[in-house]
Amino acid sequence: MEQAPRDCPVEAAVSAAFGKWKPIIIHHLLDGPLRFGELRRDIGDVTQRSLTLQLRQLETDGLISREVFAEVPPKVVYSLTDFGRTLAPVIESMRVWGELLLERRA
């Protein structure tokens, strides 16, 4: 069972928005809403279970919304909430820093 973050704001942020897949999910959703299969395809190595768990946690923390359409087969679309969009500058900074890192490794 996961323990709730204490009063440390950095710990709270890491718990809600970071980990192996959460920043990557947020990065992809910055371009607009995506279905589960689109997210999984765009991310690549993530398992269905891991993606499902990460999406649930992001939804619980109010960073993404999940919209279910009454269709057959069911259509589910994930998008960033206004609160989730506040992470855009953080994710952009990570992207820029990641590019620098990749250049250094080349």
PDB file of N, CA and C in Angstrom:
ATOM      1  N   MET A   1       0.829  -1.170   0.000  1.00  0.00           N
ATOM      2  CA  MET A   1       0.000   0.000   0.000  1.00  0.00           C
ATOM      3  C   MET A   1       0.881   1.245   0.000  1.00  0.00           C
ATOM      4  N   GLU A   2       0.575   2.192  -0.913  1.00  0.00           N
ATOM      5  CA  GLU A   2       1.384   3.387  -1.048  1.00  0.00           C
ATOM      6  C   GLU A   2       1.060   4.376   0.060  1.00  0.00           C
ATOM      7  N   GLN A   3       2.109   4.945   0.633  1.00  0.00           N
ATOM      8  CA  GLN A   3       1.949   5.890   1.726  1.00  0.00           C
ATOM      9  C   GLN A   3       1.771   7.293   1.154  1.00  0.00           C
ATOM     10  N   ALA A   4       0.868   8.080   1.717  1.00  0.00           N
ATOM     11  CA  ALA A   4       0.646   9.447   1.263  1.00  0.00           C
ATOM     12  C   ALA A   4       1.876  10.296   1.567  1.00  0.00           C
ATOM     13  N   PRO A   5       2.204  11.234   0.643  1.00  0.00           N
ATOM     14  CA  PRO A   5       3.350  12.100   0.893  1.00  0.00           C
ATOM     15  C   PRO A   5       3.127  12.948   2.149  1.00  0.00           C
ATOM     16  N   ARG A   6       4.221  13.218   2.846  1.00  0.00           N
ATOM     17  CA  ARG A   6       4.136  14.092   4.018  1.00  0.00           C
ATOM     18  C   ARG A   6       3.970  15.525   3.537  1.00  0.00           C
ATOM     19  N   ASP A   7       4.364  16.476   4.336  1.00  0.00           N
ATOM     20  CA  ASP A   7       4.180  17.878   3.992  1.00  0.00           C
ATOM     21  C   ASP A   7       5.257  18.438   3.066  1.00  0.00           C
ATOM     22  N   CYS A   8       6.144  17.608   2.577  1.00  0.00           N
ATOM     23  CA  CYS A   8       7.205  18.064   1.675  1.00  0.00           C
ATOM     24  C   CYS A   8       6.632  18.262   0.271  1.00  0.00           C
ATOM     25  N   PRO A   9       6.661  19.490  -0.274  1.00  0.00           N
ATOM     26  CA  PRO A   9       6.093  19.730  -1.597  1.00  0.00           C
ATOM     27  C   PRO A   9       6.787  18.955  -2.709  1.00  0.00           C
ATOM     28  N   VAL A  10       8.096  18.760  -2.596  1.00  0.00           N
ATOM     29  CA  VAL A  10       8.811  18.002  -3.627  1.00  0.00           C
ATOM     30  C   VAL A  10       8.378  16.544  -3.601  1.00  0.00           C
ATOM     31  N   GLU A  11       8.229  15.989  -2.413  1.00  0.00           N
ATOM     32  CA  GLU A  11       7.766  14.605  -2.284  1.00  0.00           C
ATOM     33  C   GLU A  11       6.351  14.460  -2.855  1.00  0.00           C
ATOM     34  N   ALA A  12       5.499  15.431  -2.589  1.00  0.00           N
ATOM     35  CA  ALA A  12       4.136  15.393  -3.126  1.00  0.00           C
ATOM     36  C   ALA A  12       4.151  15.450  -4.649  1.00  0.00           C
ATOM     37  N   ALA A  13       4.999  16.320  -5.212  1.00  0.00           N
ATOM     38  CA  ALA A  13       5.089  16.444  -6.671  1.00  0.00           C
ATOM     39  C   ALA A  13       5.615  15.168  -7.311  1.00  0.00           C
ATOM     40  N   VAL A  14       6.645  14.597  -6.718  1.00  0.00           N
ATOM     41  CA  VAL A  14       7.221  13.358  -7.249  1.00  0.00           C
ATOM     42  C   VAL A  14       6.184  12.236  -7.198  1.00  0.00           C
ATOM     43  N   SER A  15       5.446  12.157  -6.114  1.00  0.00           N
ATOM     44  CA  SER A  15       4.429  11.119  -5.968  1.00  0.00           C
ATOM     45  C   SER A  15       3.333  11.260  -7.023  1.00  0.00           C
ATOM     46  N   ALA A  16       2.905  12.488  -7.283  1.00  0.00           N
ATOM     47  CA  ALA A  16       1.778  12.707  -8.190  1.00  0.00           C
ATOM     48  C   ALA A  16       2.165  12.664  -9.664  1.00  0.00           C
ATOM     49  N   ALA A  17       3.313  13.231 -10.017  1.00  0.00           N
ATOM     50  CA  ALA A  17       3.591  13.460 -11.431  1.00  0.00           C
ATOM     51  C   ALA A  17       4.822  12.763 -11.977  1.00  0.00           C
ATOM     52  N   PHE A  18       5.565  12.055 -11.138  1.00  0.00           N
ATOM     53  CA  PHE A  18       6.803  11.481 -11.632  1.00  0.00           C
ATOM     54  C   PHE A  18       6.879   9.999 -11.342  1.00  0.00           C
ATOM     55  N   GLY A  19       7.881   9.363 -11.875  1.00  0.00           N
ATOM     56  CA  GLY A  19       8.027   7.929 -11.863  1.00  0.00           C
ATOM     57  C   GLY A  19       8.461   7.530 -13.259  1.00  0.00           C
ATOM     58  N   LYS A  20       8.416   6.272 -13.559  1.00  0.00           N
ATOM     59  CA  LYS A  20       8.923   5.818 -14.852  1.00  0.00           C
ATOM     60  C   LYS A  20       8.068   6.295 -16.030  1.00  0.00           C
ATOM     61  N   TRP A  21       6.740   6.275 -15.895  1.00  0.00           N
ATOM     62  CA  TRP A  21       5.877   6.531 -17.045  1.00  0.00           C
ATOM     63  C   TRP A  21       5.076   7.824 -16.970  1.00  0.00           C
ATOM     64  N   LYS A  22       4.808   8.341 -15.790  1.00  0.00           N
ATOM     65  CA  LYS A  22       3.926   9.503 -15.663  1.00  0.00           C
ATOM     66  C   LYS A  22       4.384  10.717 -16.470  1.00  0.00           C
ATOM     67  N   PRO A  23       5.654  11.128 -16.397  1.00  0.00           N
ATOM     68  CA  PRO A  23       6.056  12.297 -17.194  1.00  0.00           C
ATOM     69  C   PRO A  23       5.922  12.054 -18.696  1.00  0.00           C
ATOM     70  N   ILE A  24       6.145  10.819 -19.116  1.00  0.00           N
ATOM     71  CA  ILE A  24       6.035  10.490 -20.537  1.00  0.00           C
ATOM     72  C   ILE A  24       4.570  10.545 -20.973  1.00  0.00           C
ATOM     73  N   ILE A  25       3.677  10.052 -20.142  1.00  0.00           N
ATOM     74  CA  ILE A  25       2.239  10.132 -20.423  1.00  0.00           C
ATOM     75  C   ILE A  25       1.828  11.596 -20.535  1.00  0.00           C
ATOM     76  N   ILE A  26       2.239  12.403 -19.563  1.00  0.00           N
ATOM     77  CA  ILE A  26       1.892  13.827 -19.567  1.00  0.00           C
ATOM     78  C   ILE A  26       2.457  14.491 -20.823  1.00  0.00           C
ATOM     79  N   HIS A  27       3.688  14.176 -21.176  1.00  0.00           N
ATOM     80  CA  HIS A  27       4.321  14.726 -22.379  1.00  0.00           C
ATOM     81  C   HIS A  27       3.460  14.462 -23.617  1.00  0.00           C
ATOM     82  N   HIS A  28       3.003  13.250 -23.777  1.00  0.00           N
ATOM     83  CA  HIS A  28       2.201  12.897 -24.948  1.00  0.00           C
ATOM     84  C   HIS A  28       0.827  13.565 -24.909  1.00  0.00           C
ATOM     85  N   LEU A  29       0.247  13.701 -23.734  1.00  0.00           N
ATOM     86  CA  LEU A  29      -1.078  14.326 -23.624  1.00  0.00           C
ATOM     87  C   LEU A  29      -1.025  15.843 -23.782  1.00  0.00           C
ATOM     88  N   LEU A  30       0.150  16.439 -23.711  1.00  0.00           N
ATOM     89  CA  LEU A  30       0.265  17.882 -23.941  1.00  0.00           C
ATOM     90  C   LEU A  30      -0.147  18.254 -25.361  1.00  0.00           C
ATOM     91  N   ASP A  31      -0.034  17.313 -26.299  1.00  0.00           N
ATOM     92  CA  ASP A  31      -0.421  17.568 -27.683  1.00  0.00           C
ATOM     93  C   ASP A  31      -1.920  17.390 -27.914  1.00  0.00           C
ATOM     94  N   GLY A  32      -2.630  16.877 -26.919  1.00  0.00           N
ATOM     95  CA  GLY A  32      -4.070  16.702 -27.044  1.00  0.00           C
ATOM     96  C   GLY A  32      -4.513  15.342 -26.547  1.00  0.00           C
ATOM     97  N   PRO A  33      -5.831  15.143 -26.481  1.00  0.00           N
ATOM     98  CA  PRO A  33      -6.392  13.886 -25.968  1.00  0.00           C
ATOM     99  C   PRO A  33      -5.960  12.682 -26.798  1.00  0.00           C
ATOM    100  N   LEU A  34      -5.795  11.548 -26.112  1.00  0.00           N
ATOM    101  CA  LEU A  34      -5.412  10.301 -26.776  1.00  0.00           C
ATOM    102  C   LEU A  34      -6.188   9.132 -26.176  1.00  0.00           C
ATOM    103  N   ARG A  35      -6.406   8.136 -27.005  1.00  0.00           N
ATOM    104  CA  ARG A  35      -6.989   6.889 -26.525  1.00  0.00           C
ATOM    105  C   ARG A  35      -5.891   6.034 -25.917  1.00  0.00           C
ATOM    106  N   PHE A  36      -6.297   5.025 -25.144  1.00  0.00           N
ATOM    107  CA  PHE A  36      -5.355   4.140 -24.462  1.00  0.00           C
ATOM    108  C   PHE A  36      -4.364   3.535 -25.450  1.00  0.00           C
ATOM    109  N   GLY A  37      -4.876   2.977 -26.539  1.00  0.00           N
ATOM    110  CA  GLY A  37      -4.011   2.327 -27.522  1.00  0.00           C
ATOM    111  C   GLY A  37      -3.030   3.288 -28.169  1.00  0.00           C
ATOM    112  N   GLU A  38      -3.466   4.525 -28.388  1.00  0.00           N
ATOM    113  CA  GLU A  38      -2.568   5.529 -28.960  1.00  0.00           C
ATOM    114  C   GLU A  38      -1.434   5.853 -27.985  1.00  0.00           C
ATOM    115  N   LEU A  39      -1.790   6.011 -26.708  1.00  0.00           N
ATOM    116  CA  LEU A  39      -0.770   6.272 -25.689  1.00  0.00           C
ATOM    117  C   LEU A  39       0.225   5.118 -25.625  1.00  0.00           C
ATOM    118  N   ARG A  40      -0.285   3.919 -25.585  1.00  0.00           N
ATOM    119  CA  ARG A  40       0.585   2.740 -25.476  1.00  0.00           C
ATOM    120  C   ARG A  40       1.509   2.638 -26.683  1.00  0.00           C
ATOM    121  N   ARG A  41       0.979   2.904 -27.864  1.00  0.00           N
ATOM    122  CA  ARG A  41       1.793   2.860 -29.084  1.00  0.00           C
ATOM    123  C   ARG A  41       2.859   3.961 -29.063  1.00  0.00           C
ATOM    124  N   ASP A  42       2.466   5.172 -28.657  1.00  0.00           N
ATOM    125  CA  ASP A  42       3.400   6.301 -28.639  1.00  0.00           C
ATOM    126  C   ASP A  42       4.516   6.104 -27.614  1.00  0.00           C
ATOM    127  N   ILE A  43       4.178   5.509 -26.475  1.00  0.00           N
ATOM    128  CA  ILE A  43       5.167   5.316 -25.412  1.00  0.00           C
ATOM    129  C   ILE A  43       6.104   4.161 -25.741  1.00  0.00           C
ATOM    130  N   GLY A  44       5.568   3.085 -26.259  1.00  0.00           N
ATOM    131  CA  GLY A  44       6.421   1.979 -26.691  1.00  0.00           C
ATOM    132  C   GLY A  44       6.540   0.843 -25.715  1.00  0.00           C
ATOM    133  N   ASP A  45       7.488   0.909 -24.800  1.00  0.00           N
ATOM    134  CA  ASP A  45       7.836  -0.228 -23.946  1.00  0.00           C
ATOM    135  C   ASP A  45       6.909  -0.465 -22.763  1.00  0.00           C
ATOM    136  N   VAL A  46       5.950   0.380 -22.527  1.00  0.00           N
ATOM    137  CA  VAL A  46       5.090   0.256 -21.351  1.00  0.00           C
ATOM    138  C   VAL A  46       4.136  -0.932 -21.517  1.00  0.00           C
ATOM    139  N   THR A  47       3.940  -1.680 -20.423  1.00  0.00           N
ATOM    140  CA  THR A  47       2.962  -2.770 -20.463  1.00  0.00           C
ATOM    141  C   THR A  47       1.566  -2.199 -20.269  1.00  0.00           C
ATOM    142  N   GLN A  48       0.575  -2.973 -20.660  1.00  0.00           N
ATOM    143  CA  GLN A  48      -0.812  -2.545 -20.498  1.00  0.00           C
ATOM    144  C   GLN A  48      -1.112  -2.300 -19.019  1.00  0.00           C
ATOM    145  N   ARG A  49      -0.653  -3.190 -18.171  1.00  0.00           N
ATOM    146  CA  ARG A  49      -0.893  -3.052 -16.730  1.00  0.00           C
ATOM    147  C   ARG A  49      -0.250  -1.791 -16.161  1.00  0.00           C
ATOM    148  N   SER A  50       1.012  -1.549 -16.506  1.00  0.00           N
ATOM    149  CA  SER A  50       1.706  -0.361 -16.002  1.00  0.00           C
ATOM    150  C   SER A  50       1.021   0.921 -16.468  1.00  0.00           C
ATOM    151  N   LEU A  51       0.651   0.954 -17.744  1.00  0.00           N
ATOM    152  CA  LEU A  51      -0.015   2.140 -18.275  1.00  0.00           C
ATOM    153  C   LEU A  51      -1.351   2.369 -17.576  1.00  0.00           C
ATOM    154  N   THR A  52      -2.111   1.306 -17.384  1.00  0.00           N
ATOM    155  CA  THR A  52      -3.402   1.410 -16.700  1.00  0.00           C
ATOM    156  C   THR A  52      -3.228   1.958 -15.283  1.00  0.00           C
ATOM    157  N   LEU A  53      -2.263   1.430 -14.548  1.00  0.00           N
ATOM    158  CA  LEU A  53      -2.023   1.883 -13.173  1.00  0.00           C
ATOM    159  C   LEU A  53      -1.598   3.343 -13.134  1.00  0.00           C
ATOM    160  N   GLN A  54      -0.695   3.730 -14.031  1.00  0.00           N
ATOM    161  CA  GLN A  54      -0.224   5.110 -14.059  1.00  0.00           C
ATOM    162  C   GLN A  54      -1.349   6.077 -14.424  1.00  0.00           C
ATOM    163  N   LEU A  55      -2.190   5.689 -15.392  1.00  0.00           N
ATOM    164  CA  LEU A  55      -3.320   6.533 -15.775  1.00  0.00           C
ATOM    165  C   LEU A  55      -4.299   6.692 -14.615  1.00  0.00           C
ATOM    166  N   ARG A  56      -4.548   5.618 -13.892  1.00  0.00           N
ATOM    167  CA  ARG A  56      -5.451   5.704 -12.726  1.00  0.00           C
ATOM    168  C   ARG A  56      -4.898   6.644 -11.667  1.00  0.00           C
ATOM    169  N   GLN A  57      -3.591   6.546 -11.414  1.00  0.00           N
ATOM    170  CA  GLN A  57      -2.979   7.415 -10.407  1.00  0.00           C
ATOM    171  C   GLN A  57      -3.020   8.878 -10.849  1.00  0.00           C
ATOM    172  N   LEU A  58      -2.740   9.132 -12.124  1.00  0.00           N
ATOM    173  CA  LEU A  58      -2.804  10.499 -12.635  1.00  0.00           C
ATOM    174  C   LEU A  58      -4.224  11.054 -12.556  1.00  0.00           C
ATOM    175  N   GLU A  59      -5.204  10.198 -12.817  1.00  0.00           N
ATOM    176  CA  GLU A  59      -6.603  10.614 -12.714  1.00  0.00           C
ATOM    177  C   GLU A  59      -6.983  10.897 -11.259  1.00  0.00           C
ATOM    178  N   THR A  60      -6.569  10.029 -10.347  1.00  0.00           N
ATOM    179  CA  THR A  60      -6.843  10.216  -8.922  1.00  0.00           C
ATOM    180  C   THR A  60      -6.262  11.532  -8.414  1.00  0.00           C
ATOM    181  N   ASP A  61      -5.075  11.893  -8.912  1.00  0.00           N
ATOM    182  CA  ASP A  61      -4.423  13.121  -8.481  1.00  0.00           C
ATOM    183  C   ASP A  61      -4.917  14.358  -9.245  1.00  0.00           C
ATOM    184  N   GLY A  62      -5.880  14.165 -10.133  1.00  0.00           N
ATOM    185  CA  GLY A  62      -6.483  15.299 -10.832  1.00  0.00           C
ATOM    186  C   GLY A  62      -5.655  15.870 -11.966  1.00  0.00           C
ATOM    187  N   LEU A  63      -4.686  15.100 -12.465  1.00  0.00           N
ATOM    188  CA  LEU A  63      -3.831  15.585 -13.543  1.00  0.00           C
ATOM    189  C   LEU A  63      -4.381  15.254 -14.927  1.00  0.00           C
ATOM    190  N   ILE A  64      -5.138  14.172 -15.024  1.00  0.00           N
ATOM    191  CA  ILE A  64      -5.764  13.810 -16.295  1.00  0.00           C
ATOM    192  C   ILE A  64      -7.235  13.507 -16.056  1.00  0.00           C
ATOM    193  N   SER A  65      -7.989  13.558 -17.147  1.00  0.00           N
ATOM    194  CA  SER A  65      -9.386  13.137 -17.079  1.00  0.00           C
ATOM    195  C   SER A  65      -9.581  11.979 -18.049  1.00  0.00           C
ATOM    196  N   ARG A  66     -10.546  11.165 -17.735  1.00  0.00           N
ATOM    197  CA  ARG A  66     -10.871   9.974 -18.524  1.00  0.00           C
ATOM    198  C   ARG A  66     -12.315  10.117 -18.962  1.00  0.00           C
ATOM    199  N   GLU A  67     -12.526  10.146 -20.276  1.00  0.00           N
ATOM    200  CA  GLU A  67     -13.877  10.290 -20.808  1.00  0.00           C
ATOM    201  C   GLU A  67     -14.260   9.016 -21.558  1.00  0.00           C
ATOM    202  N   VAL A  68     -15.386   8.433 -21.163  1.00  0.00           N
ATOM    203  CA  VAL A  68     -15.870   7.206 -21.787  1.00  0.00           C
ATOM    204  C   VAL A  68     -17.040   7.556 -22.695  1.00  0.00           C
ATOM    205  N   PHE A  69     -16.967   7.123 -23.948  1.00  0.00           N
ATOM    206  CA  PHE A  69     -18.025   7.355 -24.912  1.00  0.00           C
ATOM    207  C   PHE A  69     -18.860   6.091 -25.051  1.00  0.00           C
ATOM    208  N   ALA A  70     -20.163   6.261 -25.140  1.00  0.00           N
ATOM    209  CA  ALA A  70     -21.086   5.129 -25.249  1.00  0.00           C
ATOM    210  C   ALA A  70     -21.097   4.626 -26.685  1.00  0.00           C
ATOM    211  N   GLU A  71     -20.100   3.847 -27.014  1.00  0.00           N
ATOM    212  CA  GLU A  71     -19.970   3.249 -28.340  1.00  0.00           C
ATOM    213  C   GLU A  71     -19.649   1.770 -28.178  1.00  0.00           C
ATOM    214  N   VAL A  72     -19.791   1.037 -29.263  1.00  0.00           N
ATOM    215  CA  VAL A  72     -19.389  -0.362 -29.269  1.00  0.00           C
ATOM    216  C   VAL A  72     -18.350  -0.516 -30.369  1.00  0.00           C
ATOM    217  N   PRO A  73     -17.122  -0.893 -30.034  1.00  0.00           N
ATOM    218  CA  PRO A  73     -16.570  -1.096 -28.693  1.00  0.00           C
ATOM    219  C   PRO A  73     -16.442   0.244 -27.958  1.00  0.00           C
ATOM    220  N   PRO A  74     -16.353   0.189 -26.633  1.00  0.00           N
ATOM    221  CA  PRO A  74     -16.260   1.425 -25.853  1.00  0.00           C
ATOM    222  C   PRO A  74     -15.034   2.245 -26.253  1.00  0.00           C
ATOM    223  N   LYS A  75     -15.208   3.549 -26.291  1.00  0.00           N
ATOM    224  CA  LYS A  75     -14.120   4.464 -26.613  1.00  0.00           C
ATOM    225  C   LYS A  75     -13.792   5.254 -25.352  1.00  0.00           C
ATOM    226  N   VAL A  76     -12.527   5.211 -24.947  1.00  0.00           N
ATOM    227  CA  VAL A  76     -12.068   5.936 -23.761  1.00  0.00           C
ATOM    228  C   VAL A  76     -10.960   6.880 -24.198  1.00  0.00           C
ATOM    229  N   VAL A  77     -11.091   8.147 -23.825  1.00  0.00           N
ATOM    230  CA  VAL A  77     -10.113   9.163 -24.210  1.00  0.00           C
ATOM    231  C   VAL A  77      -9.552   9.808 -22.950  1.00  0.00           C
ATOM    232  N   TYR A  78      -8.241   9.969 -22.928  1.00  0.00           N
ATOM    233  CA  TYR A  78      -7.546  10.597 -21.799  1.00  0.00           C
ATOM    234  C   TYR A  78      -7.059  11.970 -22.234  1.00  0.00           C
ATOM    235  N   SER A  79      -7.177  12.939 -21.337  1.00  0.00           N
ATOM    236  CA  SER A  79      -6.676  14.279 -21.617  1.00  0.00           C
ATOM    237  C   SER A  79      -6.190  14.915 -20.323  1.00  0.00           C
ATOM    238  N   LEU A  80      -5.354  15.924 -20.473  1.00  0.00           N
ATOM    239  CA  LEU A  80      -4.868  16.647 -19.304  1.00  0.00           C
ATOM    240  C   LEU A  80      -5.953  17.570 -18.781  1.00  0.00           C
ATOM    241  N   THR A  81      -6.046  17.681 -17.495  1.00  0.00           N
ATOM    242  CA  THR A  81      -6.926  18.669 -16.879  1.00  0.00           C
ATOM    243  C   THR A  81      -6.192  20.011 -16.907  1.00  0.00           C
ATOM    244  N   ASP A  82      -6.890  21.077 -16.542  1.00  0.00           N
ATOM    245  CA  ASP A  82      -6.227  22.379 -16.444  1.00  0.00           C
ATOM    246  C   ASP A  82      -5.070  22.289 -15.450  1.00  0.00           C
ATOM    247  N   PHE A  83      -5.292  21.576 -14.346  1.00  0.00           N
ATOM    248  CA  PHE A  83      -4.242  21.405 -13.347  1.00  0.00           C
ATOM    249  C   PHE A  83      -3.073  20.613 -13.928  1.00  0.00           C
ATOM    250  N   GLY A  84      -3.358  19.579 -14.706  1.00  0.00           N
ATOM    251  CA  GLY A  84      -2.305  18.790 -15.340  1.00  0.00           C
ATOM    252  C   GLY A  84      -1.485  19.613 -16.314  1.00  0.00           C
ATOM    253  N   ARG A  85      -2.128  20.562 -16.993  1.00  0.00           N
ATOM    254  CA  ARG A  85      -1.423  21.429 -17.944  1.00  0.00           C
ATOM    255  C   ARG A  85      -0.413  22.341 -17.249  1.00  0.00           C
ATOM    256  N   THR A  86      -0.570  22.540 -15.938  1.00  0.00           N
ATOM    257  CA  THR A  86       0.410  23.372 -15.223  1.00  0.00           C
ATOM    258  C   THR A  86       1.781  22.709 -15.203  1.00  0.00           C
ATOM    259  N   LEU A  87       1.842  21.426 -15.541  1.00  0.00           N
ATOM    260  CA  LEU A  87       3.126  20.720 -15.612  1.00  0.00           C
ATOM    261  C   LEU A  87       3.854  20.947 -16.935  1.00  0.00           C
ATOM    262  N   ALA A  88       3.230  21.621 -17.888  1.00  0.00           N
ATOM    263  CA  ALA A  88       3.845  21.823 -19.208  1.00  0.00           C
ATOM    264  C   ALA A  88       5.244  22.429 -19.126  1.00  0.00           C
ATOM    265  N   PRO A  89       5.470  23.493 -18.341  1.00  0.00           N
ATOM    266  CA  PRO A  89       6.832  24.040 -18.289  1.00  0.00           C
ATOM    267  C   PRO A  89       7.852  23.062 -17.688  1.00  0.00           C
ATOM    268  N   VAL A  90       7.414  22.257 -16.743  1.00  0.00           N
ATOM    269  CA  VAL A  90       8.309  21.270 -16.120  1.00  0.00           C
ATOM    270  C   VAL A  90       8.685  20.204 -17.147  1.00  0.00           C
ATOM    271  N   ILE A  91       7.699  19.702 -17.865  1.00  0.00           N
ATOM    272  CA  ILE A  91       7.943  18.659 -18.875  1.00  0.00           C
ATOM    273  C   ILE A  91       8.801  19.223 -20.004  1.00  0.00           C
ATOM    274  N   GLU A  92       8.547  20.465 -20.408  1.00  0.00           N
ATOM    275  CA  GLU A  92       9.352  21.099 -21.462  1.00  0.00           C
ATOM    276  C   GLU A  92      10.801  21.240 -21.004  1.00  0.00           C
ATOM    277  N   SER A  93      11.014  21.638 -19.758  1.00  0.00           N
ATOM    278  CA  SER A  93      12.377  21.744 -19.227  1.00  0.00           C
ATOM    279  C   SER A  93      13.065  20.381 -19.222  1.00  0.00           C
ATOM    280  N   MET A  94      12.318  19.335 -18.879  1.00  0.00           N
ATOM    281  CA  MET A  94      12.882  17.982 -18.898  1.00  0.00           C
ATOM    282  C   MET A  94      13.254  17.573 -20.322  1.00  0.00           C
ATOM    283  N   ARG A  95      12.417  17.946 -21.304  1.00  0.00           N
ATOM    284  CA  ARG A  95      12.705  17.612 -22.700  1.00  0.00           C
ATOM    285  C   ARG A  95      13.991  18.293 -23.153  1.00  0.00           C
ATOM    286  N   VAL A  96      14.127  19.582 -22.856  1.00  0.00           N
ATOM    287  CA  VAL A  96      15.320  20.332 -23.254  1.00  0.00           C
ATOM    288  C   VAL A  96      16.560  19.746 -22.588  1.00  0.00           C
ATOM    289  N   TRP A  97      16.472  19.462 -21.299  1.00  0.00           N
ATOM    290  CA  TRP A  97      17.609  18.885 -20.584  1.00  0.00           C
ATOM    291  C   TRP A  97      17.941  17.500 -21.143  1.00  0.00           C
ATOM    292  N   GLY A  98      16.914  16.717 -21.458  1.00  0.00           N
ATOM    293  CA  GLY A  98      17.126  15.392 -22.041  1.00  0.00           C
ATOM    294  C   GLY A  98      17.842  15.460 -23.379  1.00  0.00           C
ATOM    295  N   GLU A  99      17.517  16.476 -24.193  1.00  0.00           N
ATOM    296  CA  GLU A  99      18.221  16.656 -25.459  1.00  0.00           C
ATOM    297  C   GLU A  99      19.705  16.936 -25.219  1.00  0.00           C
ATOM    298  N   LEU A 100      19.995  17.772 -24.220  1.00  0.00           N
ATOM    299  CA  LEU A 100      21.398  18.052 -23.887  1.00  0.00           C
ATOM    300  C   LEU A 100      22.111  16.774 -23.438  1.00  0.00           C
ATOM    301  N   LEU A 101      21.441  15.983 -22.622  1.00  0.00           N
ATOM    302  CA  LEU A 101      22.013  14.732 -22.148  1.00  0.00           C
ATOM    303  C   LEU A 101      22.315  13.794 -23.308  1.00  0.00           C
ATOM    304  N   LEU A 102      21.360  13.670 -24.216  1.00  0.00           N
ATOM    305  CA  LEU A 102      21.572  12.780 -25.373  1.00  0.00           C
ATOM    306  C   LEU A 102      22.708  13.264 -26.240  1.00  0.00           C
ATOM    307  N   GLU A 103      22.860  14.591 -26.400  1.00  0.00           N
ATOM    308  CA  GLU A 103      23.970  15.131 -27.169  1.00  0.00           C
ATOM    309  C   GLU A 103      25.307  14.788 -26.522  1.00  0.00           C
ATOM    310  N   ARG A 104      25.374  14.874 -25.193  1.00  0.00           N
ATOM    311  CA  ARG A 104      26.617  14.565 -24.470  1.00  0.00           C
ATOM    312  C   ARG A 104      26.984  13.088 -24.608  1.00  0.00           C
ATOM    313  N   ARG A 105      25.966  12.237 -24.696  1.00  0.00           N
ATOM    314  CA  ARG A 105      26.213  10.792 -24.800  1.00  0.00           C
ATOM    315  C   ARG A 105      26.629  10.382 -26.203  1.00  0.00           C
ATOM    316  N   ALA A 106      26.310  11.216 -27.188  1.00  0.00           N
ATOM    317  CA  ALA A 106      26.591  10.870 -28.594  1.00  0.00           C
ATOM    318  C   ALA A 106      28.066  10.967 -28.935  1.00  0.00           C
TER     319      ALA A 106
END
